[in-house]
Amino acid sequence: MNVQEVIECVAKAFGFEPPEVNERGTVFCFEEGLEVRVYSFKGYIVFSGKIGEQITPDNTALIRQLLQRNCDQTDPFFDILSIDKEEKQVYLSRNIKEIDLKVEMVQDVMQTFLTKLDAWNEALEAMAHG
């Protein structure tokens, strides 16, 4: 199975038929307000999701706290927090190699990624109000 076929099977398993596909990949918009983009890049499948709102001068300190928490708690082999300077947005990303792809494995990674993305958004919300 090629990457796009695997992504389409995962989309079907999560109830997205047909999945939304654009120039930036396959986009999954979940009821909880979470949005995950899945795409192929240099031999990897990349899962990417926004954390919080756009970065503004008012929330720069909060973003610094978030990035410090990233250094303290994120597994650098699996999860990456990054800032897109053009969009002024923080993203959580997870990469898996395209070798020997299995639909069930990609589904498990997607579910774990959703859980982590939700946790990061909740942590940011708690930091903003704590």
C-alpha atoms as a PDB file:
ATOM      1  CA  MET A   1       0.000   0.000   0.000  1.00  0.00           C
ATOM      2  CA  ASN A   2       1.326   3.451  -0.820  1.00  0.00           C
ATOM      3  CA  VAL A   3       1.265   6.362   1.628  1.00  0.00           C
ATOM      4  CA  GLN A   4      -1.852   8.019   0.218  1.00  0.00           C
ATOM      5  CA  GLU A   5      -3.789   4.738   0.333  1.00  0.00           C
ATOM      6  CA  VAL A   6      -2.792   4.254   3.981  1.00  0.00           C
ATOM      7  CA  ILE A   7      -3.839   7.830   4.826  1.00  0.00           C
ATOM      8  CA  GLU A   8      -7.193   7.275   3.071  1.00  0.00           C
ATOM      9  CA  CYS A   9      -7.765   4.061   5.088  1.00  0.00           C
ATOM     10  CA  VAL A  10      -6.969   5.924   8.310  1.00  0.00           C
ATOM     11  CA  ALA A  11      -9.336   8.727   7.257  1.00  0.00           C
ATOM     12  CA  LYS A  12     -12.074   6.153   6.691  1.00  0.00           C
ATOM     13  CA  ALA A  13     -11.418   4.567  10.110  1.00  0.00           C
ATOM     14  CA  PHE A  14     -11.784   7.999  11.747  1.00  0.00           C
ATOM     15  CA  GLY A  15     -15.003   8.698   9.815  1.00  0.00           C
ATOM     16  CA  PHE A  16     -13.638  11.079   7.192  1.00  0.00           C
ATOM     17  CA  GLU A  17     -14.992   9.956   3.824  1.00  0.00           C
ATOM     18  CA  PRO A  18     -13.674  11.391   1.630  1.00  0.00           C
ATOM     19  CA  PRO A  19     -10.844  13.074   3.526  1.00  0.00           C
ATOM     20  CA  GLU A  20     -10.149  16.748   2.852  1.00  0.00           C
ATOM     21  CA  VAL A  21      -7.015  16.974   0.723  1.00  0.00           C
ATOM     22  CA  ASN A  22      -5.273  20.201  -0.254  1.00  0.00           C
ATOM     23  CA  GLU A  23      -1.799  21.299  -1.370  1.00  0.00           C
ATOM     24  CA  ARG A  24      -0.514  20.908   2.214  1.00  0.00           C
ATOM     25  CA  GLY A  25      -1.724  17.317   2.757  1.00  0.00           C
ATOM     26  CA  THR A  26      -4.753  15.510   4.141  1.00  0.00           C
ATOM     27  CA  VAL A  27      -6.579  17.552   6.783  1.00  0.00           C
ATOM     28  CA  PHE A  28      -8.610  16.031   9.625  1.00  0.00           C
ATOM     29  CA  CYS A  29     -10.897  18.455  11.512  1.00  0.00           C
ATOM     30  CA  PHE A  30     -12.185  16.856  14.714  1.00  0.00           C
ATOM     31  CA  GLU A  31     -15.238  17.912  16.743  1.00  0.00           C
ATOM     32  CA  GLU A  32     -13.065  18.907  19.709  1.00  0.00           C
ATOM     33  CA  GLY A  33     -11.630  21.714  17.570  1.00  0.00           C
ATOM     34  CA  LEU A  34      -8.429  19.822  16.862  1.00  0.00           C
ATOM     35  CA  GLU A  35      -7.067  19.902  13.341  1.00  0.00           C
ATOM     36  CA  VAL A  36      -4.386  17.481  12.154  1.00  0.00           C
ATOM     37  CA  ARG A  37      -2.602  17.660   8.823  1.00  0.00           C
ATOM     38  CA  VAL A  38      -1.000  14.448   7.519  1.00  0.00           C
ATOM     39  CA  TYR A  39       1.430  14.458   4.612  1.00  0.00           C
ATOM     40  CA  SER A  40       4.425  12.652   3.140  1.00  0.00           C
ATOM     41  CA  PHE A  41       7.849  14.317   3.326  1.00  0.00           C
ATOM     42  CA  LYS A  42      11.267  12.829   2.480  1.00  0.00           C
ATOM     43  CA  GLY A  43      10.422   9.243   3.391  1.00  0.00           C
ATOM     44  CA  TYR A  44       8.273  10.092   6.427  1.00  0.00           C
ATOM     45  CA  ILE A  45       4.603  10.519   7.174  1.00  0.00           C
ATOM     46  CA  VAL A  46       4.250  13.738   9.150  1.00  0.00           C
ATOM     47  CA  PHE A  47       1.402  14.497  11.564  1.00  0.00           C
ATOM     48  CA  SER A  48       1.106  18.201  12.373  1.00  0.00           C
ATOM     49  CA  GLY A  49      -1.361  20.115  14.551  1.00  0.00           C
ATOM     50  CA  LYS A  50      -1.713  23.676  15.837  1.00  0.00           C
ATOM     51  CA  ILE A  51      -1.421  24.409  19.528  1.00  0.00           C
ATOM     52  CA  GLY A  52      -3.349  27.401  20.861  1.00  0.00           C
ATOM     53  CA  GLU A  53      -3.912  30.685  19.114  1.00  0.00           C
ATOM     54  CA  GLN A  54      -1.550  32.798  17.034  1.00  0.00           C
ATOM     55  CA  ILE A  55       1.462  34.210  18.847  1.00  0.00           C
ATOM     56  CA  THR A  56       1.018  37.874  19.769  1.00  0.00           C
ATOM     57  CA  PRO A  57       3.120  40.263  21.872  1.00  0.00           C
ATOM     58  CA  ASP A  58       0.615  39.640  24.691  1.00  0.00           C
ATOM     59  CA  ASN A  59       1.214  35.894  24.851  1.00  0.00           C
ATOM     60  CA  THR A  60       4.966  35.685  24.165  1.00  0.00           C
ATOM     61  CA  ALA A  61       5.751  34.821  27.810  1.00  0.00           C
ATOM     62  CA  LEU A  62       3.165  32.053  27.664  1.00  0.00           C
ATOM     63  CA  ILE A  63       4.780  30.632  24.528  1.00  0.00           C
ATOM     64  CA  ARG A  64       8.171  30.672  26.282  1.00  0.00           C
ATOM     65  CA  GLN A  65       6.646  28.664  29.144  1.00  0.00           C
ATOM     66  CA  LEU A  66       5.187  26.240  26.628  1.00  0.00           C
ATOM     67  CA  LEU A  67       8.547  25.757  24.919  1.00  0.00           C
ATOM     68  CA  GLN A  68      10.263  25.234  28.292  1.00  0.00           C
ATOM     69  CA  ARG A  69       7.676  22.609  29.133  1.00  0.00           C
ATOM     70  CA  ASN A  70       8.429  21.050  25.745  1.00  0.00           C
ATOM     71  CA  CYS A  71      12.109  20.755  26.667  1.00  0.00           C
ATOM     72  CA  ASP A  72      11.206  19.202  30.015  1.00  0.00           C
ATOM     73  CA  GLN A  73       8.460  16.788  28.971  1.00  0.00           C
ATOM     74  CA  THR A  74       8.449  15.947  25.270  1.00  0.00           C
ATOM     75  CA  ASP A  75      10.161  12.868  23.904  1.00  0.00           C
ATOM     76  CA  PRO A  76      12.521  14.367  21.292  1.00  0.00           C
ATOM     77  CA  PHE A  77      12.540  11.136  19.303  1.00  0.00           C
ATOM     78  CA  PHE A  78       8.812  11.302  18.637  1.00  0.00           C
ATOM     79  CA  ASP A  79       7.304  14.738  19.270  1.00  0.00           C
ATOM     80  CA  ILE A  80       8.487  18.123  18.088  1.00  0.00           C
ATOM     81  CA  LEU A  81       7.139  21.521  19.112  1.00  0.00           C
ATOM     82  CA  SER A  82       7.994  24.256  16.652  1.00  0.00           C
ATOM     83  CA  ILE A  83       7.044  27.804  15.776  1.00  0.00           C
ATOM     84  CA  ASP A  84       6.073  28.825  12.265  1.00  0.00           C
ATOM     85  CA  LYS A  85       7.361  32.406  12.147  1.00  0.00           C
ATOM     86  CA  GLU A  86       5.276  33.372   9.108  1.00  0.00           C
ATOM     87  CA  GLU A  87       1.992  32.090  10.548  1.00  0.00           C
ATOM     88  CA  LYS A  88       3.023  33.004  14.121  1.00  0.00           C
ATOM     89  CA  GLN A  89       1.727  29.647  15.268  1.00  0.00           C
ATOM     90  CA  VAL A  90       3.023  26.843  17.504  1.00  0.00           C
ATOM     91  CA  TYR A  91       2.794  23.328  16.054  1.00  0.00           C
ATOM     92  CA  LEU A  92       3.166  19.840  17.469  1.00  0.00           C
ATOM     93  CA  SER A  93       4.556  17.365  14.940  1.00  0.00           C
ATOM     94  CA  ARG A  94       5.231  13.630  14.863  1.00  0.00           C
ATOM     95  CA  ASN A  95       7.063  11.765  12.101  1.00  0.00           C
ATOM     96  CA  ILE A  96       7.048   8.060  11.231  1.00  0.00           C
ATOM     97  CA  LYS A  97       9.071   6.324   8.528  1.00  0.00           C
ATOM     98  CA  GLU A  98       7.182   5.261   5.428  1.00  0.00           C
ATOM     99  CA  ILE A  99       8.871   1.837   5.418  1.00  0.00           C
ATOM    100  CA  ASP A 100       6.529  -1.136   6.019  1.00  0.00           C
ATOM    101  CA  LEU A 101       3.454   1.010   6.621  1.00  0.00           C
ATOM    102  CA  LYS A 102       0.475  -0.687   8.166  1.00  0.00           C
ATOM    103  CA  VAL A 103      -2.909   0.998   8.479  1.00  0.00           C
ATOM    104  CA  GLU A 104      -3.303  -0.113  12.113  1.00  0.00           C
ATOM    105  CA  MET A 105       0.077   1.366  13.063  1.00  0.00           C
ATOM    106  CA  VAL A 106      -0.748   4.711  11.437  1.00  0.00           C
ATOM    107  CA  GLN A 107      -4.168   4.691  13.171  1.00  0.00           C
ATOM    108  CA  ASP A 108      -2.452   4.118  16.533  1.00  0.00           C
ATOM    109  CA  VAL A 109       0.015   6.936  15.871  1.00  0.00           C
ATOM    110  CA  MET A 110      -2.862   9.238  14.867  1.00  0.00           C
ATOM    111  CA  GLN A 111      -4.806   8.406  18.054  1.00  0.00           C
ATOM    112  CA  THR A 112      -1.735   8.970  20.244  1.00  0.00           C
ATOM    113  CA  PHE A 113      -0.983  12.205  18.389  1.00  0.00           C
ATOM    114  CA  LEU A 114      -4.553  13.446  18.956  1.00  0.00           C
ATOM    115  CA  THR A 115      -4.271  12.687  22.674  1.00  0.00           C
ATOM    116  CA  LYS A 116      -0.980  14.587  22.924  1.00  0.00           C
ATOM    117  CA  LEU A 117      -2.258  17.502  20.845  1.00  0.00           C
ATOM    118  CA  ASP A 118      -5.299  17.792  23.100  1.00  0.00           C
ATOM    119  CA  ALA A 119      -3.071  17.630  26.197  1.00  0.00           C
ATOM    120  CA  TRP A 120      -0.805  20.401  24.872  1.00  0.00           C
ATOM    121  CA  ASN A 121      -3.818  22.610  24.136  1.00  0.00           C
ATOM    122  CA  GLU A 122      -5.181  21.970  27.643  1.00  0.00           C
ATOM    123  CA  ALA A 123      -1.759  22.710  29.164  1.00  0.00           C
ATOM    124  CA  LEU A 124      -1.550  25.989  27.267  1.00  0.00           C
ATOM    125  CA  GLU A 125      -5.050  26.921  28.414  1.00  0.00           C
ATOM    126  CA  ALA A 126      -4.134  26.081  32.031  1.00  0.00           C
ATOM    127  CA  MET A 127      -0.918  28.142  31.817  1.00  0.00           C
ATOM    128  CA  ALA A 128      -2.879  31.070  30.403  1.00  0.00           C
ATOM    129  CA  HIS A 129      -5.281  31.006  33.352  1.00  0.00           C
ATOM    130  CA  GLY A 130      -2.872  29.855  36.071  1.00  0.00           C
END
